[in-house]
Amino acid sequence: MDKIKWARKDSATGKGMNRGFCCFDGEFYFENESDVIQWLRSRNVDEYKELSDEFLLDEAYAEEEYYFTEWDIEDSDYYYEEQADGTLIEINK
């Protein structure tokens, strides 16, 4: 049986993903928008505490702090392979 392959690893859950949010040019990856919001708010920027989620996302996107994308394993230099126990290991091509 083939092992499951993923292009990226979700920074919040540790699960594999092939589409989602790339933050700070690949420092963090999130599958869910709610995790992006939590990450943005966790940076301890006082003015972020009063902003709505939508405004916070719009501002962060305009500042190029994150974007949404899909990844193709074939175009990548590496991928994550899911093991039988559910853990992910990075495979360099």
PDB file of N, CA and C in Angstrom:
ATOM      1  N   MET A   1       0.846  -1.193   0.000  1.00  0.00           N
ATOM      2  CA  MET A   1       0.000   0.000   0.000  1.00  0.00           C
ATOM      3  C   MET A   1       0.887   1.250   0.000  1.00  0.00           C
ATOM      4  N   ASP A   2       0.561   2.224  -0.854  1.00  0.00           N
ATOM      5  CA  ASP A   2       1.320   3.467  -0.939  1.00  0.00           C
ATOM      6  C   ASP A   2       1.086   4.311   0.307  1.00  0.00           C
ATOM      7  N   LYS A   3       2.134   4.989   0.728  1.00  0.00           N
ATOM      8  CA  LYS A   3       2.023   5.911   1.850  1.00  0.00           C
ATOM      9  C   LYS A   3       1.452   7.222   1.339  1.00  0.00           C
ATOM     10  N   ILE A   4       0.739   7.903   2.214  1.00  0.00           N
ATOM     11  CA  ILE A   4       0.149   9.189   1.854  1.00  0.00           C
ATOM     12  C   ILE A   4       1.251  10.241   1.850  1.00  0.00           C
ATOM     13  N   LYS A   5       1.239  11.092   0.822  1.00  0.00           N
ATOM     14  CA  LYS A   5       2.233  12.152   0.683  1.00  0.00           C
ATOM     15  C   LYS A   5       1.554  13.517   0.779  1.00  0.00           C
ATOM     16  N   TRP A   6       2.241  14.425   1.453  1.00  0.00           N
ATOM     17  CA  TRP A   6       1.731  15.778   1.637  1.00  0.00           C
ATOM     18  C   TRP A   6       2.813  16.779   1.259  1.00  0.00           C
ATOM     19  N   ALA A   7       2.397  17.905   0.703  1.00  0.00           N
ATOM     20  CA  ALA A   7       3.340  18.937   0.290  1.00  0.00           C
ATOM     21  C   ALA A   7       3.849  19.764   1.470  1.00  0.00           C
ATOM     22  N   ARG A   8       3.014  19.970   2.471  1.00  0.00           N
ATOM     23  CA  ARG A   8       3.388  20.786   3.628  1.00  0.00           C
ATOM     24  C   ARG A   8       2.818  20.163   4.902  1.00  0.00           C
ATOM     25  N   LYS A   9       3.328  20.665   6.034  1.00  0.00           N
ATOM     26  CA  LYS A   9       2.890  20.210   7.352  1.00  0.00           C
ATOM     27  C   LYS A   9       2.251  21.384   8.076  1.00  0.00           C
ATOM     28  N   ASP A  10       1.022  21.204   8.535  1.00  0.00           N
ATOM     29  CA  ASP A  10       0.283  22.246   9.234  1.00  0.00           C
ATOM     30  C   ASP A  10       0.989  22.589  10.546  1.00  0.00           C
ATOM     31  N   SER A  11       1.307  23.865  10.732  1.00  0.00           N
ATOM     32  CA  SER A  11       2.027  24.310  11.933  1.00  0.00           C
ATOM     33  C   SER A  11       1.183  24.213  13.195  1.00  0.00           C
ATOM     34  N   ALA A  12      -0.136  24.233  13.050  1.00  0.00           N
ATOM     35  CA  ALA A  12      -1.018  24.171  14.218  1.00  0.00           C
ATOM     36  C   ALA A  12      -1.316  22.737  14.637  1.00  0.00           C
ATOM     37  N   THR A  13      -1.534  21.869  13.662  1.00  0.00           N
ATOM     38  CA  THR A  13      -1.981  20.511  13.982  1.00  0.00           C
ATOM     39  C   THR A  13      -0.927  19.439  13.770  1.00  0.00           C
ATOM     40  N   GLY A  14       0.083  19.754  12.963  1.00  0.00           N
ATOM     41  CA  GLY A  14       1.098  18.750  12.638  1.00  0.00           C
ATOM     42  C   GLY A  14       0.659  17.782  11.560  1.00  0.00           C
ATOM     43  N   LYS A  15      -0.520  17.991  10.996  1.00  0.00           N
ATOM     44  CA  LYS A  15      -1.048  17.114   9.944  1.00  0.00           C
ATOM     45  C   LYS A  15      -0.568  17.581   8.570  1.00  0.00           C
ATOM     46  N   GLY A  16      -0.580  16.668   7.613  1.00  0.00           N
ATOM     47  CA  GLY A  16      -0.193  17.000   6.255  1.00  0.00           C
ATOM     48  C   GLY A  16      -1.258  17.811   5.539  1.00  0.00           C
ATOM     49  N   MET A  17      -0.813  18.576   4.537  1.00  0.00           N
ATOM     50  CA  MET A  17      -1.749  19.402   3.770  1.00  0.00           C
ATOM     51  C   MET A  17      -1.184  19.655   2.381  1.00  0.00           C
ATOM     52  N   ASN A  18      -2.077  19.816   1.417  1.00  0.00           N
ATOM     53  CA  ASN A  18      -1.684  20.135   0.047  1.00  0.00           C
ATOM     54  C   ASN A  18      -2.234  21.479  -0.403  1.00  0.00           C
ATOM     55  N   ARG A  19      -3.005  22.114   0.453  1.00  0.00           N
ATOM     56  CA  ARG A  19      -3.504  23.462   0.181  1.00  0.00           C
ATOM     57  C   ARG A  19      -3.748  24.147   1.505  1.00  0.00           C
ATOM     58  N   GLY A  20      -3.521  25.445   1.511  1.00  0.00           N
ATOM     59  CA  GLY A  20      -3.722  26.189   2.741  1.00  0.00           C
ATOM     60  C   GLY A  20      -3.008  27.520   2.703  1.00  0.00           C
ATOM     61  N   PHE A  21      -2.712  28.031   3.870  1.00  0.00           N
ATOM     62  CA  PHE A  21      -2.136  29.360   4.029  1.00  0.00           C
ATOM     63  C   PHE A  21      -0.640  29.265   4.303  1.00  0.00           C
ATOM     64  N   CYS A  22       0.115  30.052   3.562  1.00  0.00           N
ATOM     65  CA  CYS A  22       1.558  30.161   3.756  1.00  0.00           C
ATOM     66  C   CYS A  22       1.806  31.499   4.435  1.00  0.00           C
ATOM     67  N   CYS A  23       2.472  31.481   5.585  1.00  0.00           N
ATOM     68  CA  CYS A  23       2.707  32.695   6.359  1.00  0.00           C
ATOM     69  C   CYS A  23       4.194  32.993   6.439  1.00  0.00           C
ATOM     70  N   PHE A  24       4.526  34.261   6.303  1.00  0.00           N
ATOM     71  CA  PHE A  24       5.921  34.720   6.356  1.00  0.00           C
ATOM     72  C   PHE A  24       6.807  33.895   5.435  1.00  0.00           C
ATOM     73  N   ASP A  25       6.416  33.777   4.192  1.00  0.00           N
ATOM     74  CA  ASP A  25       7.204  33.086   3.165  1.00  0.00           C
ATOM     75  C   ASP A  25       7.636  31.685   3.568  1.00  0.00           C
ATOM     76  N   GLY A  26       6.746  30.972   4.241  1.00  0.00           N
ATOM     77  CA  GLY A  26       7.010  29.574   4.555  1.00  0.00           C
ATOM     78  C   GLY A  26       7.483  29.285   5.961  1.00  0.00           C
ATOM     79  N   GLU A  27       7.495  30.277   6.822  1.00  0.00           N
ATOM     80  CA  GLU A  27       7.857  30.004   8.218  1.00  0.00           C
ATOM     81  C   GLU A  27       6.767  29.201   8.911  1.00  0.00           C
ATOM     82  N   PHE A  28       5.509  29.437   8.514  1.00  0.00           N
ATOM     83  CA  PHE A  28       4.364  28.743   9.094  1.00  0.00           C
ATOM     84  C   PHE A  28       3.393  28.382   7.981  1.00  0.00           C
ATOM     85  N   TYR A  29       2.696  27.262   8.161  1.00  0.00           N
ATOM     86  CA  TYR A  29       1.656  26.820   7.232  1.00  0.00           C
ATOM     87  C   TYR A  29       0.420  26.437   8.037  1.00  0.00           C
ATOM     88  N   PHE A  30      -0.744  26.854   7.555  1.00  0.00           N
ATOM     89  CA  PHE A  30      -1.991  26.530   8.224  1.00  0.00           C
ATOM     90  C   PHE A  30      -3.032  26.104   7.201  1.00  0.00           C
ATOM     91  N   GLU A  31      -3.766  25.066   7.528  1.00  0.00           N
ATOM     92  CA  GLU A  31      -4.838  24.616   6.650  1.00  0.00           C
ATOM     93  C   GLU A  31      -6.105  25.440   6.871  1.00  0.00           C
ATOM     94  N   ASN A  32      -6.337  25.879   8.108  1.00  0.00           N
ATOM     95  CA  ASN A  32      -7.571  26.577   8.461  1.00  0.00           C
ATOM     96  C   ASN A  32      -7.348  28.063   8.715  1.00  0.00           C
ATOM     97  N   GLU A  33      -8.279  28.853   8.229  1.00  0.00           N
ATOM     98  CA  GLU A  33      -8.220  30.302   8.420  1.00  0.00           C
ATOM     99  C   GLU A  33      -8.225  30.662   9.902  1.00  0.00           C
ATOM    100  N   SER A  34      -8.952  29.920  10.714  1.00  0.00           N
ATOM    101  CA  SER A  34      -9.008  30.215  12.145  1.00  0.00           C
ATOM    102  C   SER A  34      -7.624  30.112  12.786  1.00  0.00           C
ATOM    103  N   ASP A  35      -6.791  29.208  12.289  1.00  0.00           N
ATOM    104  CA  ASP A  35      -5.427  29.099  12.813  1.00  0.00           C
ATOM    105  C   ASP A  35      -4.559  30.271  12.375  1.00  0.00           C
ATOM    106  N   VAL A  36      -4.813  30.811  11.191  1.00  0.00           N
ATOM    107  CA  VAL A  36      -4.098  32.017  10.741  1.00  0.00           C
ATOM    108  C   VAL A  36      -4.457  33.179  11.658  1.00  0.00           C
ATOM    109  N   ILE A  37      -5.739  33.317  11.969  1.00  0.00           N
ATOM    110  CA  ILE A  37      -6.186  34.398  12.854  1.00  0.00           C
ATOM    111  C   ILE A  37      -5.537  34.258  14.231  1.00  0.00           C
ATOM    112  N   GLN A  38      -5.528  33.050  14.758  1.00  0.00           N
ATOM    113  CA  GLN A  38      -4.908  32.813  16.066  1.00  0.00           C
ATOM    114  C   GLN A  38      -3.422  33.154  16.023  1.00  0.00           C
ATOM    115  N   TRP A  39      -2.747  32.763  14.961  1.00  0.00           N
ATOM    116  CA  TRP A  39      -1.316  33.066  14.796  1.00  0.00           C
ATOM    117  C   TRP A  39      -1.087  34.582  14.734  1.00  0.00           C
ATOM    118  N   LEU A  40      -1.913  35.289  13.960  1.00  0.00           N
ATOM    119  CA  LEU A  40      -1.774  36.742  13.857  1.00  0.00           C
ATOM    120  C   LEU A  40      -1.961  37.395  15.222  1.00  0.00           C
ATOM    121  N   ARG A  41      -2.957  36.971  15.948  1.00  0.00           N
ATOM    122  CA  ARG A  41      -3.232  37.560  17.269  1.00  0.00           C
ATOM    123  C   ARG A  41      -2.168  37.178  18.301  1.00  0.00           C
ATOM    124  N   SER A  42      -1.518  36.064  18.125  1.00  0.00           N
ATOM    125  CA  SER A  42      -0.522  35.598  19.104  1.00  0.00           C
ATOM    126  C   SER A  42       0.781  36.388  19.052  1.00  0.00           C
ATOM    127  N   ARG A  43       0.935  37.220  18.063  1.00  0.00           N
ATOM    128  CA  ARG A  43       2.184  37.967  17.909  1.00  0.00           C
ATOM    129  C   ARG A  43       2.275  39.158  18.860  1.00  0.00           C
ATOM    130  N   ASN A  44       1.312  39.296  19.748  1.00  0.00           N
ATOM    131  CA  ASN A  44       1.324  40.318  20.807  1.00  0.00           C
ATOM    132  C   ASN A  44       1.407  41.743  20.282  1.00  0.00           C
ATOM    133  N   VAL A  45       0.739  41.988  19.209  1.00  0.00           N
ATOM    134  CA  VAL A  45       0.649  43.356  18.689  1.00  0.00           C
ATOM    135  C   VAL A  45      -0.612  43.970  19.296  1.00  0.00           C
ATOM    136  N   ASP A  46      -0.441  44.960  20.154  1.00  0.00           N
ATOM    137  CA  ASP A  46      -1.559  45.511  20.921  1.00  0.00           C
ATOM    138  C   ASP A  46      -2.720  45.971  20.048  1.00  0.00           C
ATOM    139  N   GLU A  47      -2.417  46.609  18.919  1.00  0.00           N
ATOM    140  CA  GLU A  47      -3.513  47.128  18.092  1.00  0.00           C
ATOM    141  C   GLU A  47      -4.329  46.012  17.439  1.00  0.00           C
ATOM    142  N   TYR A  48      -3.793  44.782  17.366  1.00  0.00           N
ATOM    143  CA  TYR A  48      -4.541  43.660  16.780  1.00  0.00           C
ATOM    144  C   TYR A  48      -5.670  43.185  17.688  1.00  0.00           C
ATOM    145  N   LYS A  49      -5.574  43.451  18.980  1.00  0.00           N
ATOM    146  CA  LYS A  49      -6.554  42.941  19.931  1.00  0.00           C
ATOM    147  C   LYS A  49      -7.959  43.501  19.688  1.00  0.00           C
ATOM    148  N   GLU A  50      -8.043  44.695  19.187  1.00  0.00           N
ATOM    149  CA  GLU A  50      -9.336  45.343  18.986  1.00  0.00           C
ATOM    150  C   GLU A  50      -9.910  45.149  17.585  1.00  0.00           C
ATOM    151  N   LEU A  51      -9.149  44.573  16.668  1.00  0.00           N
ATOM    152  CA  LEU A  51      -9.586  44.438  15.274  1.00  0.00           C
ATOM    153  C   LEU A  51     -10.472  43.220  15.078  1.00  0.00           C
ATOM    154  N   SER A  52     -11.423  43.336  14.158  1.00  0.00           N
ATOM    155  CA  SER A  52     -12.234  42.169  13.802  1.00  0.00           C
ATOM    156  C   SER A  52     -11.365  41.167  13.054  1.00  0.00           C
ATOM    157  N   ASP A  53     -11.793  39.913  13.033  1.00  0.00           N
ATOM    158  CA  ASP A  53     -11.042  38.883  12.316  1.00  0.00           C
ATOM    159  C   ASP A  53     -10.887  39.242  10.845  1.00  0.00           C
ATOM    160  N   GLU A  54     -11.976  39.706  10.226  1.00  0.00           N
ATOM    161  CA  GLU A  54     -11.948  40.046   8.802  1.00  0.00           C
ATOM    162  C   GLU A  54     -10.967  41.184   8.522  1.00  0.00           C
ATOM    163  N   PHE A  55     -11.001  42.221   9.334  1.00  0.00           N
ATOM    164  CA  PHE A  55     -10.088  43.347   9.139  1.00  0.00           C
ATOM    165  C   PHE A  55      -8.645  42.910   9.360  1.00  0.00           C
ATOM    166  N   LEU A  56      -8.414  42.104  10.386  1.00  0.00           N
ATOM    167  CA  LEU A  56      -7.074  41.608  10.682  1.00  0.00           C
ATOM    168  C   LEU A  56      -6.524  40.802   9.512  1.00  0.00           C
ATOM    169  N   LEU A  57      -7.347  39.916   8.955  1.00  0.00           N
ATOM    170  CA  LEU A  57      -6.925  39.120   7.797  1.00  0.00           C
ATOM    171  C   LEU A  57      -6.642  40.004   6.587  1.00  0.00           C
ATOM    172  N   ASP A  58      -7.519  40.962   6.341  1.00  0.00           N
ATOM    173  CA  ASP A  58      -7.327  41.866   5.195  1.00  0.00           C
ATOM    174  C   ASP A  58      -6.032  42.658   5.319  1.00  0.00           C
ATOM    175  N   GLU A  59      -5.766  43.178   6.508  1.00  0.00           N
ATOM    176  CA  GLU A  59      -4.542  43.958   6.726  1.00  0.00           C
ATOM    177  C   GLU A  59      -3.290  43.097   6.580  1.00  0.00           C
ATOM    178  N   ALA A  60      -3.317  41.909   7.155  1.00  0.00           N
ATOM    179  CA  ALA A  60      -2.157  41.010   7.077  1.00  0.00           C
ATOM    180  C   ALA A  60      -1.914  40.571   5.635  1.00  0.00           C
ATOM    181  N   TYR A  61      -2.991  40.344   4.892  1.00  0.00           N
ATOM    182  CA  TYR A  61      -2.847  39.969   3.485  1.00  0.00           C
ATOM    183  C   TYR A  61      -2.251  41.126   2.679  1.00  0.00           C
ATOM    184  N   ALA A  62      -2.740  42.339   2.936  1.00  0.00           N
ATOM    185  CA  ALA A  62      -2.227  43.526   2.232  1.00  0.00           C
ATOM    186  C   ALA A  62      -0.749  43.747   2.544  1.00  0.00           C
ATOM    187  N   GLU A  63      -0.321  43.384   3.733  1.00  0.00           N
ATOM    188  CA  GLU A  63       1.085  43.518   4.122  1.00  0.00           C
ATOM    189  C   GLU A  63       1.917  42.306   3.685  1.00  0.00           C
ATOM    190  N   GLU A  64       1.289  41.402   2.939  1.00  0.00           N
ATOM    191  CA  GLU A  64       1.934  40.198   2.407  1.00  0.00           C
ATOM    192  C   GLU A  64       2.504  39.294   3.507  1.00  0.00           C
ATOM    193  N   GLU A  65       1.772  39.217   4.625  1.00  0.00           N
ATOM    194  CA  GLU A  65       2.177  38.350   5.720  1.00  0.00           C
ATOM    195  C   GLU A  65       1.698  36.915   5.504  1.00  0.00           C
ATOM    196  N   TYR A  66       0.701  36.726   4.639  1.00  0.00           N
ATOM    197  CA  TYR A  66       0.217  35.383   4.322  1.00  0.00           C
ATOM    198  C   TYR A  66      -0.479  35.394   2.978  1.00  0.00           C
ATOM    199  N   TYR A  67      -0.657  34.206   2.421  1.00  0.00           N
ATOM    200  CA  TYR A  67      -1.471  34.024   1.224  1.00  0.00           C
ATOM    201  C   TYR A  67      -1.978  32.586   1.206  1.00  0.00           C
ATOM    202  N   PHE A  68      -2.992  32.343   0.422  1.00  0.00           N
ATOM    203  CA  PHE A  68      -3.561  31.003   0.272  1.00  0.00           C
ATOM    204  C   PHE A  68      -3.052  30.401  -1.026  1.00  0.00           C
ATOM    205  N   THR A  69      -2.725  29.116  -0.998  1.00  0.00           N
ATOM    206  CA  THR A  69      -2.207  28.468  -2.197  1.00  0.00           C
ATOM    207  C   THR A  69      -2.460  26.963  -2.147  1.00  0.00           C
ATOM    208  N   GLU A  70      -2.198  26.328  -3.262  1.00  0.00           N
ATOM    209  CA  GLU A  70      -2.187  24.871  -3.348  1.00  0.00           C
ATOM    210  C   GLU A  70      -0.793  24.459  -3.793  1.00  0.00           C
ATOM    211  N   TRP A  71      -0.298  23.356  -3.245  1.00  0.00           N
ATOM    212  CA  TRP A  71       1.028  22.875  -3.591  1.00  0.00           C
ATOM    213  C   TRP A  71       0.920  21.575  -4.370  1.00  0.00           C
ATOM    214  N   ASP A  72       1.820  21.396  -5.306  1.00  0.00           N
ATOM    215  CA  ASP A  72       1.915  20.170  -6.078  1.00  0.00           C
ATOM    216  C   ASP A  72       3.199  19.464  -5.664  1.00  0.00           C
ATOM    217  N   ILE A  73       3.074  18.273  -5.160  1.00  0.00           N
ATOM    218  CA  ILE A  73       4.239  17.525  -4.692  1.00  0.00           C
ATOM    219  C   ILE A  73       5.275  17.372  -5.798  1.00  0.00           C
ATOM    220  N   GLU A  74       4.835  17.207  -7.018  1.00  0.00           N
ATOM    221  CA  GLU A  74       5.760  17.008  -8.138  1.00  0.00           C
ATOM    222  C   GLU A  74       6.656  18.222  -8.383  1.00  0.00           C
ATOM    223  N   ASP A  75       6.180  19.415  -8.027  1.00  0.00           N
ATOM    224  CA  ASP A  75       6.941  20.645  -8.245  1.00  0.00           C
ATOM    225  C   ASP A  75       7.815  21.031  -7.060  1.00  0.00           C
ATOM    226  N   SER A  76       7.801  20.234  -6.023  1.00  0.00           N
ATOM    227  CA  SER A  76       8.501  20.572  -4.792  1.00  0.00           C
ATOM    228  C   SER A  76       9.816  19.813  -4.668  1.00  0.00           C
ATOM    229  N   ASP A  77      10.746  20.386  -3.920  1.00  0.00           N
ATOM    230  CA  ASP A  77      12.027  19.728  -3.654  1.00  0.00           C
ATOM    231  C   ASP A  77      11.912  18.702  -2.527  1.00  0.00           C
ATOM    232  N   TYR A  78      10.803  18.738  -1.805  1.00  0.00           N
ATOM    233  CA  TYR A  78      10.591  17.820  -0.699  1.00  0.00           C
ATOM    234  C   TYR A  78       9.092  17.588  -0.522  1.00  0.00           C
ATOM    235  N   TYR A  79       8.750  16.596   0.259  1.00  0.00           N
ATOM    236  CA  TYR A  79       7.371  16.355   0.637  1.00  0.00           C
ATOM    237  C   TYR A  79       7.362  15.636   1.972  1.00  0.00           C
ATOM    238  N   TYR A  80       6.204  15.527   2.575  1.00  0.00           N
ATOM    239  CA  TYR A  80       6.052  14.806   3.824  1.00  0.00           C
ATOM    240  C   TYR A  80       5.318  13.507   3.532  1.00  0.00           C
ATOM    241  N   GLU A  81       5.796  12.438   4.133  1.00  0.00           N
ATOM    242  CA  GLU A  81       5.192  11.135   3.944  1.00  0.00           C
ATOM    243  C   GLU A  81       4.587  10.694   5.271  1.00  0.00           C
ATOM    244  N   GLU A  82       3.329  10.277   5.223  1.00  0.00           N
ATOM    245  CA  GLU A  82       2.648   9.852   6.434  1.00  0.00           C
ATOM    246  C   GLU A  82       2.975   8.396   6.718  1.00  0.00           C
ATOM    247  N   GLN A  83       3.416   8.144   7.923  1.00  0.00           N
ATOM    248  CA  GLN A  83       3.763   6.801   8.347  1.00  0.00           C
ATOM    249  C   GLN A  83       2.526   6.074   8.867  1.00  0.00           C
ATOM    250  N   ALA A  84       2.649   4.801   9.109  1.00  0.00           N
ATOM    251  CA  ALA A  84       1.524   3.989   9.573  1.00  0.00           C
ATOM    252  C   ALA A  84       0.941   4.509  10.886  1.00  0.00           C
ATOM    253  N   ASP A  85       1.779   5.105  11.729  1.00  0.00           N
ATOM    254  CA  ASP A  85       1.304   5.618  13.018  1.00  0.00           C
ATOM    255  C   ASP A  85       0.763   7.047  12.924  1.00  0.00           C
ATOM    256  N   GLY A  86       0.718   7.619  11.716  1.00  0.00           N
ATOM    257  CA  GLY A  86       0.182   8.961  11.507  1.00  0.00           C
ATOM    258  C   GLY A  86       1.205  10.072  11.571  1.00  0.00           C
ATOM    259  N   THR A  87       2.438   9.765  11.960  1.00  0.00           N
ATOM    260  CA  THR A  87       3.469  10.805  11.992  1.00  0.00           C
ATOM    261  C   THR A  87       3.936  11.125  10.580  1.00  0.00           C
ATOM    262  N   LEU A  88       4.503  12.297  10.414  1.00  0.00           N
ATOM    263  CA  LEU A  88       5.003  12.738   9.114  1.00  0.00           C
ATOM    264  C   LEU A  88       6.524  12.787   9.152  1.00  0.00           C
ATOM    265  N   ILE A  89       7.144  12.337   8.077  1.00  0.00           N
ATOM    266  CA  ILE A  89       8.593  12.506   7.938  1.00  0.00           C
ATOM    267  C   ILE A  89       8.853  13.263   6.651  1.00  0.00           C
ATOM    268  N   GLU A  90       9.878  14.127   6.675  1.00  0.00           N
ATOM    269  CA  GLU A  90      10.212  14.916   5.498  1.00  0.00           C
ATOM    270  C   GLU A  90      11.104  14.083   4.578  1.00  0.00           C
ATOM    271  N   ILE A  91      10.750  14.054   3.311  1.00  0.00           N
ATOM    272  CA  ILE A  91      11.500  13.332   2.289  1.00  0.00           C
ATOM    273  C   ILE A  91      12.086  14.351   1.316  1.00  0.00           C
ATOM    274  N   ASN A  92      13.395  14.404   1.195  1.00  0.00           N
ATOM    275  CA  ASN A  92      14.048  15.272   0.223  1.00  0.00           C
ATOM    276  C   ASN A  92      14.221  14.505  -1.069  1.00  0.00           C
ATOM    277  N   LYS A  93      13.879  15.127  -2.166  1.00  0.00           N
ATOM    278  CA  LYS A  93      13.976  14.448  -3.467  1.00  0.00           C
ATOM    279  C   LYS A  93      15.377  14.456  -3.975  1.00  0.00           C
TER     280      LYS A  93
END
